Amino acid sequence: MFKNDTIVALATPAGSGAIAVIRLSGSKAHAIAGTVFIPAFTKATLDSSPETYSKLEANTVTLGHIYDGDRVIDQVLLTKFVAPRSYTGEHVVEISCHGSIYIQQEVIAICLKNGARMAQAGEFTLQAFLNAKMDLSQAEAVADLIASESETAHQIAIQQMRGGFSSDLKDLRSQLLNFASLIELELDFGEEDVAFANRDDLKKLLNRSQQTLRKLIDSFALGNVLKTGIPIAIVGEPNVGKSTLLNALLNEEKAIVSDIAGTTRDSIEDEINIDGVRFRLIDTAGLRETTDTIEGMGIQRSYEKAEQSKLVLYLLDATQLDTAPMIMHCLLRIQIMQEKFPDKPLVVILNKIDQITGLEHAEITKKIQKHAPNSILISLSAKSRAGVEELKTALVKSFHSGALSQDDSIVSNARHYDALQTAYSSLLEVQTGIEHDISSEFLAIDIRATAESLGIITGEITNDELLGNIFSQFCIGK
């Protein structure tokens, strides 16, 4: 981006619609608008248009027409923003025209003809960053906000766009740099054995910094899945109703359902939004001993998907639990799943309860609860969809984030996560250096390395390549 350029782009999605918004930003934005726009309240000629436009108040919306010479292009609403009180920090004009593709192209072409150039991806937000309207992590949150497809992803993006953990990191960085400067100052008085940086205060800062960074680093596991969708593996033996349950949750016939064992030989995935939480459901091949090579590969992939998931739904067929050996077999399977994935919540689903008696159901439930007390037990009929809504409620409850409800900061950006990891490692180096009483020069280097990693997150330290990578992921009009 060139600082003095005035850029233009369509700010609404491409294609026809009721209206379209075209955004101008830069030092010439008002001059261009004054050349092509005439307010409806005046009968001014084109020659007096710029003078009339200049009298429009900032932060107002005005009805008028866009002209190309003496040709009327469209009746529009024009919103005028005066720097620095705008999204980008520059002069900004937003033209709301009718949504015809032809009109959109004509309005943009007129702006280009009068001195603007087409905006690059994310360039409006880049202007906002360069004009200190937001830091880099907030700018990235704008892209996340646009891409959010669930309430939780939206909530995380809004939280970060409003400042999130940026202020905490900036404060820590400032304090670390202050200590680094004091330590470096000691080097100038090396022969006099003067200590400007109080080591006890530094240790307290290091402990506080480590706690802050560790909390943010640990939040990434939650933030990432809430942003991209929480993966849930549906596992169990063949013909227990895994594909039927997937179809019931999605409310569509996504997976093939058959009485033939081994129908599902590869994982089938789809997404569902439940109460603002995005889940990625994975239907897997039935778990059993087999000599079929293809089915065996599918079973191996089932375990891999369960390993990658955040929660496992283990299905049982209630109609098969009519003997003590079969019940013990299923209980053993549950125990194996718990031992194989000890850190994952296990939801045991007793399916096809509409085909057994209430007494049988009570007896089976009692035995499962006795032998698998740490699992969540839900009874339902995937075919009739009885109990499916209760399962959805349980899924949301399992992943309802206390951090979100408490408005705690959550990291969902991989770039931030990597930088936090690097900063944390540097802090450990500082702590080790203090314990071993290393030279102040090396101590200052590690402190500054920590501060640099934090600065990369907020954009206090940046370069053209980094900015290019980040803003290239934005849409053109943002």
Protein backbone atom coordinates (compact mmCIF):
# COMPACT_ATOMS: atom_id res chain seq x y z
CA MET A 1 0.00 0.00 0.00
CA PHE A 2 1.11 3.54 -0.76
CA LYS A 3 0.27 5.97 2.02
CA ASN A 4 -1.06 8.73 -0.22
CA ASP A 5 -3.17 6.48 -2.45
CA THR A 6 -6.95 6.66 -2.48
CA ILE A 7 -8.44 3.20 -2.87
CA VAL A 8 -11.86 1.98 -3.94
CA ALA A 9 -13.62 -1.39 -3.83
CA LEU A 10 -16.98 -3.06 -3.54
CA ALA A 11 -17.58 -3.58 0.18
CA THR A 12 -20.59 -5.89 -0.20
CA PRO A 13 -20.54 -9.39 -1.78
CA ALA A 14 -20.11 -9.54 -5.53
CA GLY A 15 -23.25 -10.12 -7.59
CA SER A 16 -26.69 -8.59 -7.94
CA GLY A 17 -28.71 -7.55 -4.91
CA ALA A 18 -31.01 -4.89 -3.55
CA ILE A 19 -28.11 -2.56 -2.77
CA ALA A 20 -24.33 -2.51 -3.05
CA VAL A 21 -21.85 -0.47 -1.02
CA ILE A 22 -18.77 0.98 -2.67
CA ARG A 23 -16.06 2.24 -0.35
CA LEU A 24 -13.51 5.00 -1.04
CA SER A 25 -10.67 5.70 1.39
CA GLY A 26 -7.73 8.06 1.17
CA SER A 27 -6.70 11.69 0.92
CA LYS A 28 -8.60 12.24 -2.35
CA ALA A 29 -11.79 10.44 -1.32
CA HIS A 30 -13.80 13.64 -0.78
CA ALA A 31 -12.42 15.31 -3.89
CA ILE A 32 -13.46 12.32 -6.00
CA ALA A 33 -16.89 12.16 -4.36
CA GLY A 34 -17.38 15.88 -4.88
CA THR A 35 -16.69 15.45 -8.60
CA VAL A 36 -19.19 12.64 -9.21
CA PHE A 37 -21.92 13.22 -6.59
CA ILE A 38 -24.65 15.87 -6.51
CA PRO A 39 -26.95 16.01 -3.46
CA ALA A 40 -30.66 15.75 -4.19
CA PHE A 41 -31.43 18.94 -2.21
CA THR A 42 -29.54 21.14 -4.67
CA LYS A 43 -29.89 21.97 -8.34
CA ALA A 44 -26.19 22.73 -8.59
CA THR A 45 -24.42 22.21 -11.88
CA LEU A 46 -21.59 19.76 -12.16
CA ASP A 47 -19.10 22.66 -11.92
CA SER A 48 -20.37 23.60 -8.47
CA SER A 49 -20.67 20.01 -7.26
CA PRO A 50 -17.31 19.90 -5.36
CA GLU A 51 -18.14 23.13 -3.55
CA THR A 52 -21.59 21.84 -2.60
CA TYR A 53 -20.14 18.54 -1.44
CA SER A 54 -17.60 20.24 0.80
CA LYS A 55 -20.46 21.78 2.81
CA LEU A 56 -21.85 18.35 3.74
CA GLU A 57 -21.26 17.60 7.41
CA ALA A 58 -19.07 14.71 8.49
CA ASN A 59 -20.69 11.45 9.59
CA THR A 60 -23.88 12.16 7.67
CA VAL A 61 -25.84 10.31 4.99
CA THR A 62 -27.03 12.30 1.96
CA LEU A 63 -29.37 11.35 -0.85
CA GLY A 64 -28.18 12.29 -4.32
CA HIS A 65 -27.06 11.11 -7.75
CA ILE A 66 -23.82 9.81 -9.22
CA TYR A 67 -22.91 11.46 -12.52
CA ASP A 68 -20.45 10.60 -15.25
CA GLY A 69 -20.21 13.92 -17.02
CA ASP A 70 -23.80 14.85 -17.71
CA ARG A 71 -24.99 11.22 -17.57
CA VAL A 72 -26.83 10.07 -14.45
CA ILE A 73 -25.60 6.66 -13.27
CA ASP A 74 -27.77 6.07 -10.22
CA GLN A 75 -29.58 7.57 -7.28
CA VAL A 76 -27.54 6.75 -4.18
CA LEU A 77 -27.01 7.36 -0.49
CA LEU A 78 -23.58 8.75 0.27
CA THR A 79 -22.01 8.55 3.74
CA LYS A 80 -19.19 10.97 4.49
CA PHE A 81 -16.47 10.35 7.08
CA VAL A 82 -13.69 12.82 7.80
CA ALA A 83 -10.24 11.67 8.97
CA PRO A 84 -9.34 10.54 11.52
CA ARG A 85 -12.89 9.63 12.58
CA SER A 86 -13.38 6.75 10.20
CA TYR A 87 -12.73 3.01 10.06
CA THR A 88 -9.45 3.46 8.20
CA GLY A 89 -8.37 6.72 9.83
CA GLU A 90 -8.41 8.31 6.35
CA HIS A 91 -11.14 10.32 4.61
CA VAL A 92 -13.80 7.72 3.75
CA VAL A 93 -16.83 7.80 1.49
CA GLU A 94 -19.33 4.94 1.26
CA ILE A 95 -21.74 4.96 -1.67
CA SER A 96 -24.87 2.82 -1.32
CA CYS A 97 -26.17 2.28 -4.85
CA HIS A 98 -28.65 -0.13 -6.40
CA GLY A 99 -27.29 -3.68 -6.60
CA SER A 100 -27.07 -3.99 -10.37
CA ILE A 101 -23.67 -5.38 -11.41
CA TYR A 102 -23.58 -2.80 -14.21
CA ILE A 103 -24.17 0.08 -11.76
CA GLN A 104 -21.50 -1.25 -9.39
CA GLN A 105 -18.97 -1.42 -12.21
CA GLU A 106 -19.87 2.05 -13.48
CA VAL A 107 -19.54 3.71 -10.06
CA ILE A 108 -16.18 2.05 -9.44
CA ALA A 109 -14.99 2.97 -12.94
CA ILE A 110 -15.89 6.65 -12.35
CA CYS A 111 -13.91 6.63 -9.09
CA LEU A 112 -10.93 5.07 -10.85
CA LYS A 113 -11.15 7.63 -13.65
CA ASN A 114 -11.02 10.45 -11.10
CA GLY A 115 -7.87 9.33 -9.29
CA ALA A 116 -8.60 6.28 -7.15
CA ARG A 117 -7.09 2.83 -7.64
CA MET A 118 -8.54 -0.60 -6.87
CA ALA A 119 -7.96 -1.73 -3.31
CA GLN A 120 -5.96 -4.84 -2.63
CA ALA A 121 -7.15 -7.61 -0.32
CA GLY A 122 -7.58 -6.27 3.21
CA GLU A 123 -6.20 -2.84 2.32
CA PHE A 124 -8.90 -0.86 4.12
CA THR A 125 -8.10 -2.69 7.34
CA LEU A 126 -4.39 -2.30 6.59
CA GLN A 127 -4.95 1.47 6.44
CA ALA A 128 -6.68 1.24 9.82
CA PHE A 129 -3.68 -0.63 11.26
CA LEU A 130 -1.12 1.78 9.81
CA ASN A 131 -3.14 4.70 11.18
CA ALA A 132 -3.17 3.10 14.66
CA LYS A 133 -6.95 2.61 14.63
CA MET A 134 -6.32 -0.98 15.76
CA ASP A 135 -3.38 -3.24 16.47
CA LEU A 136 -2.47 -6.25 14.33
CA SER A 137 -4.28 -8.83 16.46
CA GLN A 138 -7.45 -6.72 16.31
CA ALA A 139 -7.08 -6.42 12.54
CA GLU A 140 -6.87 -10.22 12.25
CA ALA A 141 -9.99 -10.47 14.39
CA VAL A 142 -11.84 -8.50 11.70
CA ALA A 143 -11.16 -11.33 9.24
CA ASP A 144 -12.23 -13.90 11.84
CA LEU A 145 -15.44 -11.94 12.45
CA ILE A 146 -16.29 -11.95 8.76
CA ALA A 147 -15.56 -15.69 8.54
CA SER A 148 -17.41 -16.64 11.75
CA GLU A 149 -20.07 -19.29 11.16
CA SER A 150 -21.24 -19.86 14.72
CA GLU A 151 -22.07 -17.86 17.82
CA THR A 152 -18.94 -19.02 19.63
CA ALA A 153 -16.62 -18.14 16.72
CA HIS A 154 -18.35 -14.75 16.49
CA GLN A 155 -17.97 -14.19 20.24
CA ILE A 156 -14.23 -14.95 20.19
CA ALA A 157 -13.69 -12.62 17.21
CA ILE A 158 -15.68 -9.79 18.79
CA GLN A 159 -13.77 -10.20 22.03
CA GLN A 160 -10.43 -9.95 20.23
CA MET A 161 -11.52 -7.09 17.98
CA ARG A 162 -12.43 -5.09 21.11
CA GLY A 163 -8.93 -5.52 22.47
CA GLY A 164 -8.93 -9.04 23.86
CA PHE A 165 -5.53 -9.82 25.34
CA SER A 166 -3.72 -7.09 23.36
CA SER A 167 -3.61 -4.61 26.24
CA ASP A 168 -2.21 -7.25 28.62
CA LEU A 169 0.52 -8.21 26.15
CA LYS A 170 1.42 -4.58 25.47
CA ASP A 171 1.70 -3.92 29.21
CA LEU A 172 3.92 -6.98 29.73
CA ARG A 173 6.07 -6.03 26.76
CA SER A 174 6.54 -2.50 28.09
CA GLN A 175 7.62 -3.77 31.50
CA LEU A 176 10.00 -6.33 29.99
CA LEU A 177 11.62 -3.72 27.76
CA ASN A 178 12.02 -1.44 30.75
CA PHE A 179 13.88 -4.16 32.66
CA ALA A 180 16.00 -4.96 29.60
CA SER A 181 17.00 -1.28 29.35
CA LEU A 182 17.94 -1.15 33.04
CA ILE A 183 19.98 -4.34 32.75
CA GLU A 184 21.78 -2.99 29.68
CA LEU A 185 22.45 0.23 31.58
CA GLU A 186 24.27 -1.80 34.23
CA LEU A 187 26.77 -2.88 31.58
CA ASP A 188 27.95 0.75 31.31
CA PHE A 189 28.82 0.67 35.00
CA GLY A 190 30.27 -2.82 35.08
CA GLU A 191 33.38 -1.82 37.00
CA GLU A 192 31.32 -0.13 39.70
CA ASP A 193 29.09 -3.18 40.32
CA VAL A 194 25.88 -1.11 40.16
CA ALA A 195 22.45 -2.83 39.91
CA PHE A 196 19.69 -0.74 38.37
CA ALA A 197 17.28 -3.64 37.77
CA ASN A 198 15.93 -5.14 40.97
CA ARG A 199 16.20 -8.92 40.50
CA ASP A 200 13.37 -9.68 42.93
CA ASP A 201 11.01 -7.39 40.99
CA LEU A 202 12.16 -9.06 37.77
CA LYS A 203 11.36 -12.50 39.19
CA LYS A 204 7.86 -11.33 40.14
CA LEU A 205 7.34 -9.96 36.62
CA LEU A 206 8.56 -13.23 35.11
CA ASN A 207 6.16 -15.27 37.24
CA ARG A 208 3.25 -13.01 36.35
CA SER A 209 4.19 -13.08 32.66
CA GLN A 210 4.48 -16.85 32.61
CA GLN A 211 1.05 -17.24 34.19
CA THR A 212 -0.49 -14.88 31.64
CA LEU A 213 1.17 -16.53 28.64
CA ARG A 214 0.52 -20.07 29.88
CA LYS A 215 -3.18 -19.30 30.27
CA LEU A 216 -3.37 -17.89 26.74
CA ILE A 217 -1.39 -20.79 25.28
CA ASP A 218 -3.63 -23.35 26.99
CA SER A 219 -6.74 -21.55 25.70
CA PHE A 220 -5.74 -22.23 22.08
CA ALA A 221 -6.94 -25.84 22.25
CA LEU A 222 -10.42 -24.57 23.04
CA GLY A 223 -10.29 -21.49 20.83
CA ASN A 224 -9.19 -23.38 17.74
CA VAL A 225 -11.95 -26.01 17.90
CA LEU A 226 -14.61 -23.40 18.70
CA LYS A 227 -13.46 -21.47 15.66
CA THR A 228 -13.19 -24.40 13.22
CA GLY A 229 -15.78 -26.74 14.73
CA ILE A 230 -15.58 -29.27 17.57
CA PRO A 231 -14.76 -32.72 16.14
CA ILE A 232 -16.91 -35.56 17.51
CA ALA A 233 -16.32 -39.18 16.52
CA ILE A 234 -19.27 -41.57 16.37
CA VAL A 235 -17.90 -45.06 17.01
CA GLY A 236 -19.20 -48.51 17.83
CA GLU A 237 -19.57 -52.00 16.42
CA PRO A 238 -21.26 -52.61 13.05
CA ASN A 239 -25.02 -52.13 12.77
CA VAL A 240 -25.50 -50.32 16.10
CA GLY A 241 -26.92 -47.26 14.29
CA LYS A 242 -23.96 -44.91 13.83
CA SER A 243 -24.98 -43.76 10.34
CA THR A 244 -28.61 -43.50 11.40
CA LEU A 245 -27.59 -41.29 14.32
CA LEU A 246 -25.50 -39.08 12.03
CA ASN A 247 -28.49 -38.64 9.72
CA ALA A 248 -30.76 -37.89 12.69
CA LEU A 249 -28.40 -35.22 14.05
CA LEU A 250 -28.00 -33.61 10.62
CA ASN A 251 -31.70 -34.06 9.80
CA GLU A 252 -30.79 -35.37 6.35
CA GLU A 253 -29.80 -38.66 4.71
CA LYS A 254 -26.07 -38.04 4.65
CA ALA A 255 -24.83 -41.59 5.26
CA ILE A 256 -26.00 -44.84 3.67
CA VAL A 257 -27.93 -46.98 6.16
CA SER A 258 -27.99 -50.76 5.65
CA ASP A 259 -28.48 -53.95 7.66
CA ILE A 260 -25.33 -55.30 6.05
CA ALA A 261 -22.43 -55.17 8.49
CA GLY A 262 -19.45 -53.10 7.34
CA THR A 263 -21.41 -50.75 5.06
CA THR A 264 -19.45 -47.73 6.28
CA ARG A 265 -15.82 -48.35 5.29
CA ASP A 266 -14.51 -44.80 5.53
CA SER A 267 -15.28 -41.85 7.75
CA ILE A 268 -18.10 -39.51 6.74
CA GLU A 269 -17.99 -35.95 8.04
CA ASP A 270 -20.44 -33.08 8.18
CA GLU A 271 -21.09 -30.02 10.33
CA ILE A 272 -23.97 -28.95 12.51
CA ASN A 273 -24.62 -25.80 14.51
CA ILE A 274 -26.30 -26.44 17.85
CA ASP A 275 -27.22 -23.43 19.98
CA GLY A 276 -24.43 -21.36 18.45
CA VAL A 277 -21.76 -24.06 18.81
CA ARG A 278 -20.30 -25.58 15.65
CA PHE A 279 -19.69 -29.35 15.69
CA ARG A 280 -17.98 -31.57 13.14
CA LEU A 281 -19.60 -35.00 13.27
CA ILE A 282 -17.57 -37.97 12.05
CA ASP A 283 -19.32 -41.27 11.27
CA THR A 284 -16.75 -44.08 11.37
CA ALA A 285 -16.48 -47.70 10.25
CA GLY A 286 -17.79 -50.33 12.67
CA LEU A 287 -15.25 -51.69 15.14
CA ARG A 288 -14.83 -55.47 14.82
CA GLU A 289 -12.30 -58.13 13.87
CA THR A 290 -12.18 -58.56 10.09
CA THR A 291 -10.08 -60.16 7.35
CA ASP A 292 -11.33 -57.68 4.76
CA THR A 293 -8.38 -55.42 3.92
CA ILE A 294 -10.51 -52.41 2.94
CA GLU A 295 -12.78 -52.69 5.97
CA GLY A 296 -9.69 -53.11 8.17
CA MET A 297 -8.29 -49.84 6.84
CA GLY A 298 -11.61 -48.19 7.66
CA ILE A 299 -11.52 -49.54 11.23
CA GLN A 300 -7.97 -48.26 11.69
CA ARG A 301 -9.13 -44.87 10.45
CA SER A 302 -11.98 -45.00 12.98
CA TYR A 303 -9.46 -45.12 15.81
CA GLU A 304 -7.48 -42.30 14.20
CA LYS A 305 -10.60 -40.12 13.98
CA ALA A 306 -11.44 -40.88 17.60
CA GLU A 307 -7.91 -39.84 18.53
CA GLN A 308 -8.33 -36.52 16.66
CA SER A 309 -11.75 -35.79 18.13
CA LYS A 310 -12.56 -33.83 21.27
CA LEU A 311 -15.41 -36.12 22.29
CA VAL A 312 -16.33 -39.73 21.49
CA LEU A 313 -19.89 -41.00 21.07
CA TYR A 314 -19.83 -44.76 21.66
CA LEU A 315 -23.01 -46.44 20.41
CA LEU A 316 -24.54 -49.62 21.79
CA ASP A 317 -27.43 -51.56 20.29
CA ALA A 318 -29.91 -52.12 23.12
CA THR A 319 -31.49 -55.07 21.27
CA GLN A 320 -28.18 -56.97 21.35
CA LEU A 321 -27.80 -56.67 25.14
CA ASP A 322 -30.25 -59.45 25.95
CA THR A 323 -27.74 -61.78 27.57
CA ALA A 324 -25.17 -61.38 30.33
CA PRO A 325 -22.22 -62.27 27.99
CA MET A 326 -23.26 -59.61 25.48
CA ILE A 327 -23.58 -56.99 28.23
CA MET A 328 -20.15 -57.90 29.58
CA HIS A 329 -18.75 -57.73 26.03
CA CYS A 330 -20.07 -54.19 25.60
CA LEU A 331 -18.85 -53.13 29.04
CA LEU A 332 -15.40 -54.42 28.10
CA ARG A 333 -15.57 -52.37 24.88
CA ILE A 334 -16.43 -49.25 26.89
CA GLN A 335 -13.51 -49.91 29.22
CA ILE A 336 -11.17 -50.29 26.24
CA MET A 337 -12.35 -46.98 24.80
CA GLN A 338 -11.81 -45.22 28.13
CA GLU A 339 -8.32 -46.67 28.45
CA LYS A 340 -7.46 -45.85 24.84
CA PHE A 341 -8.67 -42.25 25.11
CA PRO A 342 -8.45 -41.36 28.82
CA ASP A 343 -8.46 -37.59 28.25
CA LYS A 344 -11.57 -37.48 26.03
CA PRO A 345 -15.14 -37.23 27.34
CA LEU A 346 -16.95 -40.47 26.49
CA VAL A 347 -20.68 -40.41 25.81
CA VAL A 348 -22.21 -43.90 25.85
CA ILE A 349 -25.35 -43.94 23.74
CA LEU A 350 -27.84 -46.75 24.22
CA ASN A 351 -29.60 -46.87 20.85
CA LYS A 352 -32.83 -48.62 19.71
CA ILE A 353 -34.49 -48.32 23.14
CA ASP A 354 -37.86 -48.29 21.37
CA GLN A 355 -37.32 -52.00 20.68
CA ILE A 356 -36.84 -53.14 24.31
CA THR A 357 -39.02 -53.07 27.41
CA GLY A 358 -38.74 -50.51 30.15
CA LEU A 359 -37.54 -53.18 32.58
CA GLU A 360 -34.79 -54.29 30.19
CA HIS A 361 -33.75 -50.68 29.67
CA ALA A 362 -33.53 -50.05 33.40
CA GLU A 363 -31.40 -53.19 33.95
CA ILE A 364 -28.96 -52.34 31.12
CA THR A 365 -28.66 -48.72 32.26
CA LYS A 366 -27.90 -49.82 35.82
CA LYS A 367 -25.05 -52.09 34.71
CA ILE A 368 -23.48 -49.48 32.40
CA GLN A 369 -23.59 -46.80 35.09
CA LYS A 370 -22.00 -49.23 37.57
CA HIS A 371 -19.12 -50.30 35.30
CA ALA A 372 -18.57 -46.99 33.48
CA PRO A 373 -19.30 -44.31 36.12
CA ASN A 374 -17.14 -41.66 34.43
CA SER A 375 -19.02 -41.77 31.14
CA ILE A 376 -22.16 -39.87 30.14
CA LEU A 377 -25.07 -42.22 29.37
CA ILE A 378 -27.85 -41.22 26.98
CA SER A 379 -30.69 -43.43 25.75
CA LEU A 380 -32.37 -42.78 22.41
CA SER A 381 -33.77 -44.17 19.20
CA ALA A 382 -31.85 -42.79 16.24
CA LYS A 383 -34.40 -44.20 13.79
CA SER A 384 -37.43 -42.54 15.38
CA ARG A 385 -35.26 -39.64 16.59
CA ALA A 386 -36.60 -39.95 20.12
CA GLY A 387 -33.95 -38.60 22.51
CA VAL A 388 -31.87 -36.94 19.78
CA GLU A 389 -32.63 -33.46 21.11
CA GLU A 390 -31.44 -34.55 24.56
CA LEU A 391 -28.18 -35.68 22.96
CA LYS A 392 -27.74 -32.28 21.29
CA THR A 393 -28.26 -30.56 24.64
CA ALA A 394 -25.64 -32.83 26.21
CA LEU A 395 -23.14 -32.02 23.44
CA VAL A 396 -23.50 -28.28 23.99
CA LYS A 397 -23.30 -28.72 27.75
CA SER A 398 -20.10 -30.78 27.42
CA PHE A 399 -18.37 -27.97 25.59
CA HIS A 400 -20.00 -24.92 27.11
CA SER A 401 -16.96 -22.75 27.77
CA GLY A 402 -16.67 -21.15 31.17
CA ALA A 403 -13.95 -18.94 29.66
CA LEU A 404 -16.42 -17.55 27.14
CA SER A 405 -19.11 -16.91 29.74
CA GLN A 406 -16.59 -15.21 32.01
CA ASP A 407 -15.31 -13.06 29.17
CA ASP A 408 -11.79 -14.49 29.55
CA SER A 409 -9.40 -14.10 26.63
CA ILE A 410 -9.20 -17.05 24.25
CA VAL A 411 -6.55 -17.52 21.56
CA SER A 412 -7.87 -18.94 18.28
CA ASN A 413 -5.21 -17.67 15.87
CA ALA A 414 -2.35 -20.07 15.04
CA ARG A 415 0.08 -17.18 14.44
CA HIS A 416 -0.62 -15.80 17.91
CA TYR A 417 -0.22 -19.27 19.41
CA ASP A 418 3.20 -19.78 17.81
CA ALA A 419 4.40 -16.35 18.96
CA LEU A 420 3.15 -16.98 22.50
CA GLN A 421 4.99 -20.30 22.57
CA THR A 422 8.19 -18.57 21.47
CA ALA A 423 7.74 -15.81 24.05
CA TYR A 424 7.12 -18.36 26.80
CA SER A 425 10.30 -20.27 25.87
CA SER A 426 12.29 -17.04 26.04
CA LEU A 427 10.83 -16.31 29.49
CA LEU A 428 12.03 -19.71 30.69
CA GLU A 429 15.49 -18.83 29.37
CA VAL A 430 15.42 -15.61 31.39
CA GLN A 431 14.36 -17.47 34.51
CA THR A 432 17.13 -20.05 34.03
CA GLY A 433 19.62 -17.24 33.49
CA ILE A 434 18.67 -15.56 36.76
CA GLU A 435 18.96 -18.86 38.65
CA HIS A 436 22.44 -19.44 37.23
CA ASP A 437 23.48 -15.81 37.62
CA ILE A 438 24.47 -15.42 33.97
CA SER A 439 25.87 -12.23 32.52
CA SER A 440 23.46 -9.27 32.37
CA GLU A 441 24.16 -8.96 28.66
CA PHE A 442 22.70 -12.41 27.89
CA LEU A 443 19.83 -11.83 30.31
CA ALA A 444 18.85 -8.68 28.41
CA ILE A 445 18.98 -10.56 25.09
CA ASP A 446 16.47 -13.17 26.31
CA ILE A 447 14.18 -10.49 27.75
CA ARG A 448 14.20 -8.59 24.47
CA ALA A 449 13.51 -11.84 22.59
CA THR A 450 10.37 -12.29 24.69
CA ALA A 451 9.31 -8.69 24.05
CA GLU A 452 9.89 -9.14 20.32
CA SER A 453 7.60 -12.19 20.17
CA LEU A 454 4.87 -10.26 21.98
CA GLY A 455 5.36 -7.31 19.64
CA ILE A 456 4.89 -9.58 16.62
CA ILE A 457 1.39 -10.46 17.89
CA THR A 458 0.22 -6.87 18.35
CA GLY A 459 2.09 -5.47 15.33
CA GLU A 460 4.52 -3.31 17.31
CA ILE A 461 7.18 -5.30 15.45
CA THR A 462 6.32 -6.15 11.86
CA ASN A 463 7.55 -6.26 8.27
CA ASP A 464 6.06 -6.09 4.80
CA GLU A 465 6.11 -9.87 4.35
CA LEU A 466 4.15 -10.46 7.55
CA LEU A 467 1.58 -7.80 6.69
CA GLY A 468 1.26 -9.19 3.17
CA ASN A 469 0.59 -12.70 4.48
CA ILE A 470 -2.01 -11.52 6.97
CA PHE A 471 -3.99 -9.06 4.87
CA SER A 472 -3.94 -11.19 1.71
CA GLN A 473 -6.44 -13.46 3.49
CA PHE A 474 -9.01 -10.63 3.72
CA CYS A 475 -11.71 -9.94 1.16
CA ILE A 476 -11.02 -7.04 -1.22
CA GLY A 477 -13.59 -4.63 0.25
CA LYS A 478 -12.36 -5.01 3.83
